[in-house]
């Protein structure tokens, strides 16, 4: 793993802090949208998916209802395709319903340059024309290259370009939390 070669600078969030941030984001989503009618949660692959599942769990607890949840793969919509692979392919996405007329909440772990969010927005339009698209991120580390600002942020962490923010989720990492590493 790449992080084993980097120096751990600090633990930003343990599991409890991460869950508190996701709870706050859930309340903000419900408040901004006057409830959960016509909401669709789409986790950006990979770590956005478990975070979207946390939001759904919270919505069930607070509102007593389900909202459609799925995942979106942005690989074909990235603006750096040639840097990643000569022949990019579509990965598996799971869109739970027609997105036309819905409020889509894109969920991601970290926003940095904004390029992933831009690609996700473009991918959403492949599946319909939503009423609106909102962006929820656990960590905003700054350094935007595109004019994209998340609607919901768990924590703002000013970073340098030589630092790496690692969001860990149980499903992929065996533990949950956020760490900051130095290259």
C-alpha atoms as a PDB file:
ATOM      1  CA  UNK A   1       0.000   0.000   0.000  1.00  0.00           C
ATOM      2  CA  UNK A   2       1.262   3.459  -0.911  1.00  0.00           C
ATOM      3  CA  UNK A   3       0.459   4.909   2.536  1.00  0.00           C
ATOM      4  CA  UNK A   4       2.937   2.572   4.240  1.00  0.00           C
ATOM      5  CA  UNK A   5       5.739   4.415   2.413  1.00  0.00           C
ATOM      6  CA  UNK A   6       4.525   7.821   3.577  1.00  0.00           C
ATOM      7  CA  UNK A   7       4.871   9.401   6.986  1.00  0.00           C
ATOM      8  CA  UNK A   8       1.686   9.604   9.071  1.00  0.00           C
ATOM      9  CA  UNK A   9       1.303  13.255   9.973  1.00  0.00           C
ATOM     10  CA  UNK A  10      -1.935  13.076  11.978  1.00  0.00           C
ATOM     11  CA  UNK A  11      -5.169  11.257  12.557  1.00  0.00           C
ATOM     12  CA  UNK A  12      -7.859  13.715  11.466  1.00  0.00           C
ATOM     13  CA  UNK A  13     -10.942  11.659  12.410  1.00  0.00           C
ATOM     14  CA  UNK A  14     -11.496   8.427  14.236  1.00  0.00           C
ATOM     15  CA  UNK A  15     -14.605   6.364  13.477  1.00  0.00           C
ATOM     16  CA  UNK A  16     -16.776   8.235  15.980  1.00  0.00           C
ATOM     17  CA  UNK A  17     -15.801  11.645  14.565  1.00  0.00           C
ATOM     18  CA  UNK A  18     -16.393  10.443  10.995  1.00  0.00           C
ATOM     19  CA  UNK A  19     -19.865   9.160  11.922  1.00  0.00           C
ATOM     20  CA  UNK A  20     -20.685  12.453  13.702  1.00  0.00           C
ATOM     21  CA  UNK A  21     -19.726  14.356  10.538  1.00  0.00           C
ATOM     22  CA  UNK A  22     -21.911  12.081   8.413  1.00  0.00           C
ATOM     23  CA  UNK A  23     -24.790  12.594  10.865  1.00  0.00           C
ATOM     24  CA  UNK A  24     -24.423  16.371  10.581  1.00  0.00           C
ATOM     25  CA  UNK A  25     -24.292  16.171   6.771  1.00  0.00           C
ATOM     26  CA  UNK A  26     -27.472  14.063   6.826  1.00  0.00           C
ATOM     27  CA  UNK A  27     -29.298  16.695   8.883  1.00  0.00           C
ATOM     28  CA  UNK A  28     -28.080  19.432   6.525  1.00  0.00           C
ATOM     29  CA  UNK A  29     -29.306  17.478   3.473  1.00  0.00           C
ATOM     30  CA  UNK A  30     -32.732  16.945   5.042  1.00  0.00           C
ATOM     31  CA  UNK A  31     -32.994  20.602   6.057  1.00  0.00           C
ATOM     32  CA  UNK A  32     -31.834  22.059   2.725  1.00  0.00           C
ATOM     33  CA  UNK A  33     -34.220  19.829   0.769  1.00  0.00           C
ATOM     34  CA  UNK A  34     -37.188  20.168   3.163  1.00  0.00           C
ATOM     35  CA  UNK A  35     -37.181  16.415   3.716  1.00  0.00           C
ATOM     36  CA  UNK A  36     -36.174  13.519   1.516  1.00  0.00           C
ATOM     37  CA  UNK A  37     -38.824  13.482  -1.228  1.00  0.00           C
ATOM     38  CA  UNK A  38     -37.245  12.908  -4.660  1.00  0.00           C
ATOM     39  CA  UNK A  39     -33.720  12.509  -3.254  1.00  0.00           C
ATOM     40  CA  UNK A  40     -31.321   9.997  -4.806  1.00  0.00           C
ATOM     41  CA  UNK A  41     -27.956   9.194  -3.199  1.00  0.00           C
ATOM     42  CA  UNK A  42     -25.106   8.302  -5.577  1.00  0.00           C
ATOM     43  CA  UNK A  43     -21.762   7.330  -4.101  1.00  0.00           C
ATOM     44  CA  UNK A  44     -18.796   8.084  -6.339  1.00  0.00           C
ATOM     45  CA  UNK A  45     -16.801   4.887  -6.680  1.00  0.00           C
ATOM     46  CA  UNK A  46     -15.072   3.762  -4.428  1.00  0.00           C
ATOM     47  CA  UNK A  47     -15.155   5.311  -1.010  1.00  0.00           C
ATOM     48  CA  UNK A  48     -18.167   7.492  -1.768  1.00  0.00           C
ATOM     49  CA  UNK A  49     -20.331   4.372  -1.809  1.00  0.00           C
ATOM     50  CA  UNK A  50     -19.933   3.409   1.884  1.00  0.00           C
ATOM     51  CA  UNK A  51     -20.354   7.072   2.840  1.00  0.00           C
ATOM     52  CA  UNK A  52     -23.618   7.212   0.846  1.00  0.00           C
ATOM     53  CA  UNK A  53     -24.723   4.082   2.729  1.00  0.00           C
ATOM     54  CA  UNK A  54     -24.049   5.907   6.024  1.00  0.00           C
ATOM     55  CA  UNK A  55     -26.230   8.785   4.825  1.00  0.00           C
ATOM     56  CA  UNK A  56     -29.018   6.345   3.930  1.00  0.00           C
ATOM     57  CA  UNK A  57     -28.748   4.684   7.350  1.00  0.00           C
ATOM     58  CA  UNK A  58     -29.084   8.109   8.983  1.00  0.00           C
ATOM     59  CA  UNK A  59     -32.028   9.115   6.769  1.00  0.00           C
ATOM     60  CA  UNK A  60     -33.808   5.900   7.757  1.00  0.00           C
ATOM     61  CA  UNK A  61     -33.156   6.665  11.429  1.00  0.00           C
ATOM     62  CA  UNK A  62     -34.182  10.332  11.284  1.00  0.00           C
ATOM     63  CA  UNK A  63     -36.944  10.305   8.660  1.00  0.00           C
ATOM     64  CA  UNK A  64     -38.146   6.712   8.864  1.00  0.00           C
ATOM     65  CA  UNK A  65     -37.999   6.227   5.115  1.00  0.00           C
ATOM     66  CA  UNK A  66     -35.753   5.004   2.344  1.00  0.00           C
ATOM     67  CA  UNK A  67     -34.371   6.942  -0.584  1.00  0.00           C
ATOM     68  CA  UNK A  68     -32.900   5.340  -3.712  1.00  0.00           C
ATOM     69  CA  UNK A  69     -29.171   4.727  -3.421  1.00  0.00           C
ATOM     70  CA  UNK A  70     -26.636   3.718  -6.036  1.00  0.00           C
ATOM     71  CA  UNK A  71     -23.111   4.247  -7.244  1.00  0.00           C
ATOM     72  CA  UNK A  72     -21.638   6.084 -10.179  1.00  0.00           C
ATOM     73  CA  UNK A  73     -18.469   5.203 -12.032  1.00  0.00           C
ATOM     74  CA  UNK A  74     -16.712   8.232 -13.485  1.00  0.00           C
ATOM     75  CA  UNK A  75     -13.880   6.513 -15.354  1.00  0.00           C
ATOM     76  CA  UNK A  76     -15.176   7.353 -18.843  1.00  0.00           C
ATOM     77  CA  UNK A  77     -15.875  10.975 -17.885  1.00  0.00           C
ATOM     78  CA  UNK A  78     -12.479  11.943 -16.481  1.00  0.00           C
ATOM     79  CA  UNK A  79     -10.494  14.632 -18.282  1.00  0.00           C
ATOM     80  CA  UNK A  80      -7.222  12.783 -17.661  1.00  0.00           C
ATOM     81  CA  UNK A  81      -8.133   9.517 -19.421  1.00  0.00           C
ATOM     82  CA  UNK A  82      -4.984   9.375 -21.521  1.00  0.00           C
ATOM     83  CA  UNK A  83      -2.854   9.680 -18.395  1.00  0.00           C
ATOM     84  CA  UNK A  84      -4.688   6.786 -16.728  1.00  0.00           C
ATOM     85  CA  UNK A  85      -4.978   4.285 -19.560  1.00  0.00           C
ATOM     86  CA  UNK A  86      -4.826   4.009 -23.324  1.00  0.00           C
ATOM     87  CA  UNK A  87      -8.165   2.198 -23.423  1.00  0.00           C
ATOM     88  CA  UNK A  88     -10.386   3.241 -20.512  1.00  0.00           C
ATOM     89  CA  UNK A  89     -13.447   1.132 -19.899  1.00  0.00           C
ATOM     90  CA  UNK A  90     -16.720   1.708 -18.157  1.00  0.00           C
ATOM     91  CA  UNK A  91     -16.795   0.255 -14.690  1.00  0.00           C
ATOM     92  CA  UNK A  92     -19.841  -0.959 -12.897  1.00  0.00           C
ATOM     93  CA  UNK A  93     -22.208   1.730 -11.756  1.00  0.00           C
ATOM     94  CA  UNK A  94     -25.548   1.119 -10.167  1.00  0.00           C
ATOM     95  CA  UNK A  95     -28.148   3.772 -10.896  1.00  0.00           C
ATOM     96  CA  UNK A  96     -31.254   2.902  -8.845  1.00  0.00           C
ATOM     97  CA  UNK A  97     -33.858   4.826 -10.834  1.00  0.00           C
ATOM     98  CA  UNK A  98     -34.462   7.387 -13.567  1.00  0.00           C
ATOM     99  CA  UNK A  99     -32.720  10.547 -12.360  1.00  0.00           C
ATOM    100  CA  UNK A 100     -34.947  12.922 -14.331  1.00  0.00           C
ATOM    101  CA  UNK A 101     -36.605  15.422 -12.003  1.00  0.00           C
ATOM    102  CA  UNK A 102     -34.787  14.097  -8.916  1.00  0.00           C
ATOM    103  CA  UNK A 103     -32.391  15.819  -6.548  1.00  0.00           C
ATOM    104  CA  UNK A 104     -29.183  13.833  -6.857  1.00  0.00           C
ATOM    105  CA  UNK A 105     -26.773  13.915  -3.939  1.00  0.00           C
ATOM    106  CA  UNK A 106     -23.297  12.930  -5.159  1.00  0.00           C
ATOM    107  CA  UNK A 107     -21.258  11.562  -2.258  1.00  0.00           C
ATOM    108  CA  UNK A 108     -17.453  11.423  -2.224  1.00  0.00           C
ATOM    109  CA  UNK A 109     -14.740  11.040   0.369  1.00  0.00           C
ATOM    110  CA  UNK A 110     -12.363  13.910  -0.498  1.00  0.00           C
ATOM    111  CA  UNK A 111     -12.633  16.905  -2.802  1.00  0.00           C
ATOM    112  CA  UNK A 112      -9.312  18.241  -4.018  1.00  0.00           C
ATOM    113  CA  UNK A 113      -9.038  19.707  -7.529  1.00  0.00           C
ATOM    114  CA  UNK A 114     -12.735  19.281  -8.375  1.00  0.00           C
ATOM    115  CA  UNK A 115     -12.063  17.076 -11.385  1.00  0.00           C
ATOM    116  CA  UNK A 116     -13.726  13.994  -9.894  1.00  0.00           C
ATOM    117  CA  UNK A 117     -16.844  16.004  -9.048  1.00  0.00           C
ATOM    118  CA  UNK A 118     -16.941  17.450 -12.580  1.00  0.00           C
ATOM    119  CA  UNK A 119     -16.694  13.955 -14.063  1.00  0.00           C
ATOM    120  CA  UNK A 120     -19.449  12.689 -11.751  1.00  0.00           C
ATOM    121  CA  UNK A 121     -21.763  15.528 -12.770  1.00  0.00           C
ATOM    122  CA  UNK A 122     -21.164  14.700 -16.415  1.00  0.00           C
ATOM    123  CA  UNK A 123     -21.851  11.007 -15.725  1.00  0.00           C
ATOM    124  CA  UNK A 124     -25.141  11.840 -13.978  1.00  0.00           C
ATOM    125  CA  UNK A 125     -26.426  13.555 -17.120  1.00  0.00           C
ATOM    126  CA  UNK A 126     -25.870  10.288 -18.993  1.00  0.00           C
ATOM    127  CA  UNK A 127     -28.691   8.826 -16.867  1.00  0.00           C
ATOM    128  CA  UNK A 128     -31.229  11.649 -17.030  1.00  0.00           C
ATOM    129  CA  UNK A 129     -31.794  15.309 -16.301  1.00  0.00           C
ATOM    130  CA  UNK A 130     -32.099  15.779 -12.553  1.00  0.00           C
ATOM    131  CA  UNK A 131     -33.856  18.752 -11.000  1.00  0.00           C
ATOM    132  CA  UNK A 132     -30.604  19.500  -9.174  1.00  0.00           C
ATOM    133  CA  UNK A 133     -27.272  17.950  -8.262  1.00  0.00           C
ATOM    134  CA  UNK A 134     -25.731  18.515  -4.849  1.00  0.00           C
ATOM    135  CA  UNK A 135     -22.304  17.417  -3.655  1.00  0.00           C
ATOM    136  CA  UNK A 136     -21.567  15.966  -0.221  1.00  0.00           C
ATOM    137  CA  UNK A 137     -17.955  15.295   0.749  1.00  0.00           C
ATOM    138  CA  UNK A 138     -16.423  14.117   3.985  1.00  0.00           C
ATOM    139  CA  UNK A 139     -13.189  16.125   3.528  1.00  0.00           C
ATOM    140  CA  UNK A 140     -12.503  19.333   1.596  1.00  0.00           C
ATOM    141  CA  UNK A 141      -8.743  19.751   1.347  1.00  0.00           C
ATOM    142  CA  UNK A 142      -8.719  22.818  -0.890  1.00  0.00           C
ATOM    143  CA  UNK A 143      -6.610  23.399  -4.008  1.00  0.00           C
ATOM    144  CA  UNK A 144      -9.520  23.563  -6.453  1.00  0.00           C
ATOM    145  CA  UNK A 145      -8.663  23.754 -10.151  1.00  0.00           C
ATOM    146  CA  UNK A 146     -12.301  24.001 -11.256  1.00  0.00           C
ATOM    147  CA  UNK A 147     -15.090  26.263  -9.965  1.00  0.00           C
ATOM    148  CA  UNK A 148     -16.759  23.529  -7.918  1.00  0.00           C
ATOM    149  CA  UNK A 149     -17.819  23.901  -4.304  1.00  0.00           C
ATOM    150  CA  UNK A 150     -19.489  21.132  -2.282  1.00  0.00           C
ATOM    151  CA  UNK A 151     -22.898  21.770  -0.736  1.00  0.00           C
ATOM    152  CA  UNK A 152     -22.087  19.669   2.328  1.00  0.00           C
ATOM    153  CA  UNK A 153     -18.667  19.223   3.950  1.00  0.00           C
ATOM    154  CA  UNK A 154     -17.766  17.079   6.925  1.00  0.00           C
ATOM    155  CA  UNK A 155     -14.469  18.842   7.603  1.00  0.00           C
ATOM    156  CA  UNK A 156     -12.246  21.390   5.876  1.00  0.00           C
ATOM    157  CA  UNK A 157      -8.572  20.445   6.109  1.00  0.00           C
ATOM    158  CA  UNK A 158      -6.076  22.913   4.657  1.00  0.00           C
ATOM    159  CA  UNK A 159      -3.332  20.824   3.066  1.00  0.00           C
ATOM    160  CA  UNK A 160      -0.228  21.241   0.995  1.00  0.00           C
ATOM    161  CA  UNK A 161       0.273  19.514  -2.352  1.00  0.00           C
ATOM    162  CA  UNK A 162       2.788  17.210  -0.645  1.00  0.00           C
ATOM    163  CA  UNK A 163       0.184  15.839   1.754  1.00  0.00           C
ATOM    164  CA  UNK A 164      -2.290  13.022   1.144  1.00  0.00           C
ATOM    165  CA  UNK A 165      -5.658  12.657   2.857  1.00  0.00           C
ATOM    166  CA  UNK A 166      -6.641   9.024   3.354  1.00  0.00           C
ATOM    167  CA  UNK A 167     -10.270   8.206   4.145  1.00  0.00           C
ATOM    168  CA  UNK A 168     -10.589   4.674   5.421  1.00  0.00           C
ATOM    169  CA  UNK A 169     -13.860   2.763   5.455  1.00  0.00           C
ATOM    170  CA  UNK A 170     -14.508  -0.653   6.954  1.00  0.00           C
ATOM    171  CA  UNK A 171     -15.582  -2.200   3.636  1.00  0.00           C
ATOM    172  CA  UNK A 172     -12.241  -1.544   1.922  1.00  0.00           C
ATOM    173  CA  UNK A 173      -9.743  -0.860   4.691  1.00  0.00           C
ATOM    174  CA  UNK A 174     -10.885  -2.866   7.705  1.00  0.00           C
ATOM    175  CA  UNK A 175     -11.217   0.314   9.768  1.00  0.00           C
ATOM    176  CA  UNK A 176     -12.920   3.696   9.579  1.00  0.00           C
ATOM    177  CA  UNK A 177     -11.285   7.097   9.938  1.00  0.00           C
ATOM    178  CA  UNK A 178      -9.290   9.818   8.216  1.00  0.00           C
ATOM    179  CA  UNK A 179      -5.497  10.266   8.296  1.00  0.00           C
ATOM    180  CA  UNK A 180      -3.140  12.848   6.854  1.00  0.00           C
ATOM    181  CA  UNK A 181       0.153  11.658   5.366  1.00  0.00           C
ATOM    182  CA  UNK A 182       3.261  13.492   4.201  1.00  0.00           C
ATOM    183  CA  UNK A 183       4.822  12.409   0.885  1.00  0.00           C
END
